[in-house]
C-alpha atoms as a PDB file:
ATOM      1  CA  UNK A   1     -59.935  31.597 -83.030  1.00  0.00           C
ATOM      2  CA  UNK A   2     -59.361  34.837 -84.023  1.00  0.00           C
ATOM      3  CA  UNK A   3     -59.635  36.277 -87.245  1.00  0.00           C
ATOM      4  CA  UNK A   4     -56.795  38.215 -88.868  1.00  0.00           C
ATOM      5  CA  UNK A   5     -57.858  42.112 -89.274  1.00  0.00           C
ATOM      6  CA  UNK A   6     -56.236  41.501 -93.294  1.00  0.00           C
ATOM      7  CA  UNK A   7     -58.890  38.388 -93.572  1.00  0.00           C
ATOM      8  CA  UNK A   8     -61.956  40.170 -93.117  1.00  0.00           C
ATOM      9  CA  UNK A   9     -61.479  43.934 -93.601  1.00  0.00           C
ATOM     10  CA  UNK A  10     -64.194  46.228 -92.106  1.00  0.00           C
ATOM     11  CA  UNK A  11     -65.286  43.647 -89.590  1.00  0.00           C
ATOM     12  CA  UNK A  12     -64.927  44.743 -85.898  1.00  0.00           C
ATOM     13  CA  UNK A  13     -62.292  42.537 -83.922  1.00  0.00           C
ATOM     14  CA  UNK A  14     -63.073  41.612 -80.634  1.00  0.00           C
ATOM     15  CA  UNK A  15     -60.351  42.644 -77.769  1.00  0.00           C
ATOM     16  CA  UNK A  16     -59.101  41.646 -74.780  1.00  0.00           C
ATOM     17  CA  UNK A  17     -61.404  42.514 -72.059  1.00  0.00           C
ATOM     18  CA  UNK A  18     -61.516  42.739 -68.156  1.00  0.00           C
ATOM     19  CA  UNK A  19     -63.623  43.184 -65.334  1.00  0.00           C
ATOM     20  CA  UNK A  20     -61.652  46.741 -65.297  1.00  0.00           C
ATOM     21  CA  UNK A  21     -62.430  47.744 -68.856  1.00  0.00           C
ATOM     22  CA  UNK A  22     -66.428  46.416 -68.394  1.00  0.00           C
ATOM     23  CA  UNK A  23     -66.362  48.924 -65.105  1.00  0.00           C
ATOM     24  CA  UNK A  24     -65.163  51.839 -67.046  1.00  0.00           C
ATOM     25  CA  UNK A  25     -67.462  51.835 -69.864  1.00  0.00           C
ATOM     26  CA  UNK A  26     -70.439  51.096 -67.427  1.00  0.00           C
ATOM     27  CA  UNK A  27     -69.194  54.024 -65.181  1.00  0.00           C
ATOM     28  CA  UNK A  28     -68.723  56.452 -68.604  1.00  0.00           C
ATOM     29  CA  UNK A  29     -72.178  55.203 -69.619  1.00  0.00           C
ATOM     30  CA  UNK A  30     -73.955  56.184 -66.568  1.00  0.00           C
ATOM     31  CA  UNK A  31     -71.990  59.051 -65.881  1.00  0.00           C
ATOM     32  CA  UNK A  32     -70.458  57.437 -62.047  1.00  0.00           C
ATOM     33  CA  UNK A  33     -66.769  57.440 -61.259  1.00  0.00           C
ATOM     34  CA  UNK A  34     -65.142  54.323 -60.716  1.00  0.00           C
ATOM     35  CA  UNK A  35     -64.100  55.228 -56.885  1.00  0.00           C
ATOM     36  CA  UNK A  36     -67.545  55.824 -56.118  1.00  0.00           C
ATOM     37  CA  UNK A  37     -68.823  52.535 -57.919  1.00  0.00           C
ATOM     38  CA  UNK A  38     -66.093  50.707 -55.548  1.00  0.00           C
ATOM     39  CA  UNK A  39     -67.442  52.402 -52.218  1.00  0.00           C
ATOM     40  CA  UNK A  40     -69.656  50.784 -50.212  1.00  0.00           C
ATOM     41  CA  UNK A  41     -72.458  53.250 -51.111  1.00  0.00           C
ATOM     42  CA  UNK A  42     -76.180  52.038 -51.748  1.00  0.00           C
ATOM     43  CA  UNK A  43     -76.739  55.122 -53.563  1.00  0.00           C
ATOM     44  CA  UNK A  44     -79.457  53.549 -56.572  1.00  0.00           C
ATOM     45  CA  UNK A  45     -76.860  54.695 -59.447  1.00  0.00           C
ATOM     46  CA  UNK A  46     -74.243  53.369 -57.897  1.00  0.00           C
ATOM     47  CA  UNK A  47     -75.413  50.048 -56.991  1.00  0.00           C
ATOM     48  CA  UNK A  48     -76.947  50.062 -60.369  1.00  0.00           C
ATOM     49  CA  UNK A  49     -73.522  50.100 -62.255  1.00  0.00           C
ATOM     50  CA  UNK A  50     -72.096  47.547 -59.847  1.00  0.00           C
ATOM     51  CA  UNK A  51     -75.025  45.216 -60.931  1.00  0.00           C
ATOM     52  CA  UNK A  52     -74.147  45.841 -64.616  1.00  0.00           C
ATOM     53  CA  UNK A  53     -70.681  45.531 -64.327  1.00  0.00           C
ATOM     54  CA  UNK A  54     -70.968  42.143 -62.712  1.00  0.00           C
ATOM     55  CA  UNK A  55     -73.783  41.032 -65.344  1.00  0.00           C
ATOM     56  CA  UNK A  56     -71.832  42.018 -68.021  1.00  0.00           C
ATOM     57  CA  UNK A  57     -68.438  39.964 -66.394  1.00  0.00           C
ATOM     58  CA  UNK A  58     -71.063  37.001 -66.457  1.00  0.00           C
ATOM     59  CA  UNK A  59     -71.921  37.417 -69.792  1.00  0.00           C
ATOM     60  CA  UNK A  60     -68.753  38.592 -71.449  1.00  0.00           C
ATOM     61  CA  UNK A  61     -65.992  37.237 -69.454  1.00  0.00           C
ATOM     62  CA  UNK A  62     -67.668  33.608 -68.305  1.00  0.00           C
ATOM     63  CA  UNK A  63     -66.673  34.555 -64.892  1.00  0.00           C
ATOM     64  CA  UNK A  64     -67.712  32.612 -61.782  1.00  0.00           C
ATOM     65  CA  UNK A  65     -69.665  34.168 -59.156  1.00  0.00           C
ATOM     66  CA  UNK A  66     -66.847  34.128 -56.838  1.00  0.00           C
ATOM     67  CA  UNK A  67     -64.312  36.058 -58.934  1.00  0.00           C
ATOM     68  CA  UNK A  68     -67.111  38.434 -59.407  1.00  0.00           C
ATOM     69  CA  UNK A  69     -67.355  38.706 -55.849  1.00  0.00           C
ATOM     70  CA  UNK A  70     -63.810  39.533 -55.615  1.00  0.00           C
ATOM     71  CA  UNK A  71     -63.841  42.069 -58.083  1.00  0.00           C
ATOM     72  CA  UNK A  72     -66.013  44.029 -55.793  1.00  0.00           C
ATOM     73  CA  UNK A  73     -64.446  42.561 -52.111  1.00  0.00           C
ATOM     74  CA  UNK A  74     -67.908  40.969 -51.681  1.00  0.00           C
ATOM     75  CA  UNK A  75     -69.133  37.397 -51.386  1.00  0.00           C
ATOM     76  CA  UNK A  76     -70.540  34.635 -54.073  1.00  0.00           C
ATOM     77  CA  UNK A  77     -73.870  35.101 -52.660  1.00  0.00           C
ATOM     78  CA  UNK A  78     -74.010  38.897 -53.376  1.00  0.00           C
ATOM     79  CA  UNK A  79     -72.453  38.613 -56.756  1.00  0.00           C
ATOM     80  CA  UNK A  80     -75.339  36.274 -57.524  1.00  0.00           C
ATOM     81  CA  UNK A  81     -78.177  38.587 -56.386  1.00  0.00           C
ATOM     82  CA  UNK A  82     -76.998  41.388 -58.196  1.00  0.00           C
ATOM     83  CA  UNK A  83     -76.544  39.714 -61.789  1.00  0.00           C
ATOM     84  CA  UNK A  84     -80.116  37.905 -60.970  1.00  0.00           C
ATOM     85  CA  UNK A  85     -81.241  41.787 -60.052  1.00  0.00           C
ATOM     86  CA  UNK A  86     -79.349  43.397 -63.224  1.00  0.00           C
ATOM     87  CA  UNK A  87     -80.984  40.529 -65.313  1.00  0.00           C
ATOM     88  CA  UNK A  88     -84.701  41.411 -64.061  1.00  0.00           C
ATOM     89  CA  UNK A  89     -84.131  45.294 -64.782  1.00  0.00           C
ATOM     90  CA  UNK A  90     -83.207  44.680 -68.351  1.00  0.00           C
ATOM     91  CA  UNK A  91     -86.331  42.328 -68.337  1.00  0.00           C
ATOM     92  CA  UNK A  92     -88.773  45.022 -67.608  1.00  0.00           C
ATOM     93  CA  UNK A  93     -86.786  48.165 -68.261  1.00  0.00           C
ATOM     94  CA  UNK A  94     -86.328  48.612 -72.172  1.00  0.00           C
ATOM     95  CA  UNK A  95     -84.050  51.302 -71.614  1.00  0.00           C
ATOM     96  CA  UNK A  96     -81.592  49.633 -69.642  1.00  0.00           C
ATOM     97  CA  UNK A  97     -81.602  46.513 -72.027  1.00  0.00           C
ATOM     98  CA  UNK A  98     -80.887  48.998 -74.885  1.00  0.00           C
ATOM     99  CA  UNK A  99     -77.964  50.367 -72.923  1.00  0.00           C
ATOM    100  CA  UNK A 100     -76.606  47.304 -71.915  1.00  0.00           C
ATOM    101  CA  UNK A 101     -76.612  46.058 -75.514  1.00  0.00           C
ATOM    102  CA  UNK A 102     -74.783  49.516 -76.644  1.00  0.00           C
ATOM    103  CA  UNK A 103     -72.476  48.815 -73.962  1.00  0.00           C
ATOM    104  CA  UNK A 104     -71.571  44.962 -75.179  1.00  0.00           C
ATOM    105  CA  UNK A 105     -70.781  46.567 -78.445  1.00  0.00           C
ATOM    106  CA  UNK A 106     -68.712  49.055 -77.003  1.00  0.00           C
ATOM    107  CA  UNK A 107     -66.848  46.735 -74.822  1.00  0.00           C
ATOM    108  CA  UNK A 108     -66.199  43.932 -77.346  1.00  0.00           C
ATOM    109  CA  UNK A 109     -65.577  45.852 -80.683  1.00  0.00           C
ATOM    110  CA  UNK A 110     -64.622  49.492 -79.287  1.00  0.00           C
ATOM    111  CA  UNK A 111     -67.680  50.878 -80.861  1.00  0.00           C
END
């Protein structure tokens, strides 16, 4: 159920989101291009963007690992590993967790 903007003025409304939108925000936050992130490069900063995009896709869109893997032309096992690595990084690195929480607000509500 979605609230009408007239029913609750001043409260940000969730919007339609997709993996492409999530990827756009993650790439912008970490100053990477979408084209580079979709490459097969294993540079740490590109891998991190891919992993965080997969994690946010799993959390915000409730996508299955196969669907997430298809977005990056990889298999479900790689998607599972990437999501787990991103979650591990969030648990151990507070700055990554902070960035992800900010990204969630931006992605969901355009804040």
